[in-house]
Protein backbone atom coordinates (compact mmCIF):
# COMPACT_ATOMS: atom_id res chain seq x y z
CA MET A 1 68.82 125.59 112.55
CA ARG A 2 71.71 127.82 113.48
CA GLU A 3 73.24 125.09 115.63
CA ARG A 4 73.56 122.86 112.59
CA GLY A 5 75.80 125.32 110.80
CA TYR A 6 76.19 125.48 107.06
CA GLY A 7 75.19 122.60 104.83
CA MET A 8 75.84 121.64 101.24
CA PHE A 9 72.92 120.84 98.94
CA VAL A 10 73.93 118.65 96.00
CA HIS A 11 71.81 118.65 92.85
CA PHE A 12 73.07 115.82 90.66
CA GLY A 13 70.12 114.76 88.58
CA MET A 14 69.14 114.50 84.95
CA ASN A 15 70.00 118.13 84.17
CA THR A 16 73.63 117.39 85.01
CA PHE A 17 73.71 115.29 81.84
CA ASN A 18 71.34 117.06 79.44
CA GLY A 19 72.91 120.52 79.72
CA LEU A 20 69.62 122.22 80.56
CA GLU A 21 68.70 124.40 83.49
CA TRP A 22 65.10 123.17 83.36
CA SER A 23 63.68 120.01 81.80
CA GLU A 24 60.23 118.53 81.49
CA GLY A 25 61.02 114.95 82.50
CA LYS A 26 61.06 113.60 78.96
CA ASP A 27 64.73 112.68 78.62
CA PRO A 28 65.40 108.93 78.67
CA ALA A 29 66.60 107.66 82.05
CA THR A 30 69.61 106.11 80.31
CA LEU A 31 70.95 109.63 79.70
CA TYR A 32 71.83 109.71 83.40
CA ASN A 33 75.21 108.01 83.26
CA PRO A 34 77.64 109.02 85.99
CA THR A 35 81.07 107.61 85.27
CA GLU A 36 84.00 107.96 87.62
CA LEU A 37 81.62 109.30 90.26
CA ASP A 38 83.25 109.93 93.64
CA CYS A 39 80.56 110.96 96.12
CA GLU A 40 83.00 110.51 98.98
CA GLN A 41 85.05 113.32 97.42
CA TRP A 42 81.96 115.56 97.64
CA VAL A 43 81.63 114.76 101.33
CA ARG A 44 85.34 115.27 102.02
CA THR A 45 85.23 118.62 100.23
CA ALA A 46 82.17 119.69 102.21
CA ARG A 47 83.79 118.65 105.49
CA ASP A 48 87.07 120.37 104.65
CA ALA A 49 85.16 123.56 103.76
CA GLY A 50 83.47 123.53 107.17
CA PHE A 51 80.02 122.31 106.16
CA ARG A 52 78.25 120.33 108.87
CA TYR A 53 75.98 118.25 106.62
CA VAL A 54 75.39 117.28 102.99
CA LEU A 55 71.93 116.90 101.51
CA LEU A 56 71.54 115.10 98.19
CA VAL A 57 68.43 116.21 96.30
CA THR A 58 67.02 112.84 95.27
CA LYS A 59 64.01 113.99 93.26
CA HIS A 60 63.67 117.19 91.30
CA HIS A 61 60.81 118.97 89.55
CA ASP A 62 61.14 116.74 86.48
CA GLY A 63 60.25 113.62 88.50
CA PHE A 64 63.59 111.87 88.00
CA CYS A 65 64.38 109.72 91.06
CA LEU A 66 67.78 108.71 92.39
CA TRP A 67 66.25 105.80 94.31
CA ASP A 68 64.29 102.69 93.44
CA SER A 69 60.59 103.48 93.33
CA ALA A 70 57.54 101.37 92.65
CA GLY A 71 55.71 104.61 91.81
CA THR A 72 57.65 105.46 88.65
CA ASP A 73 59.95 104.04 86.03
CA TYR A 74 61.70 107.40 85.68
CA LEU A 75 64.66 106.68 87.90
CA ALA A 76 68.40 106.45 87.74
CA PRO A 77 69.73 103.17 86.38
CA THR A 78 72.13 103.27 89.32
CA ALA A 79 69.47 103.98 91.97
CA ALA A 80 70.27 100.83 93.93
CA THR A 81 73.74 102.15 94.73
CA CYS A 82 72.19 104.91 96.87
CA ARG A 83 71.57 102.27 99.53
CA THR A 84 75.29 102.32 100.35
CA TYR A 85 74.97 105.56 102.32
CA SER A 86 71.31 105.61 103.30
CA SER A 87 70.14 104.82 106.78
């Protein structure tokens, strides 16, 4: 792990929009509404700060998913846009 250097973990889920530290997964998915989102700015900032990787937490304890899933309807309305940077 040491060879990888420091990494940035990004938590940008439902709690970003409901103002809570901990939620129970009962907020409507439509509450998740990122406007003027610039994920490339996050990556540039991480790179400029010397981080070697960025990890986006895509599912948290509340079950809210940032990707399309056949296993749940509790997902971001914008989940399809995650495909832009996935491999």
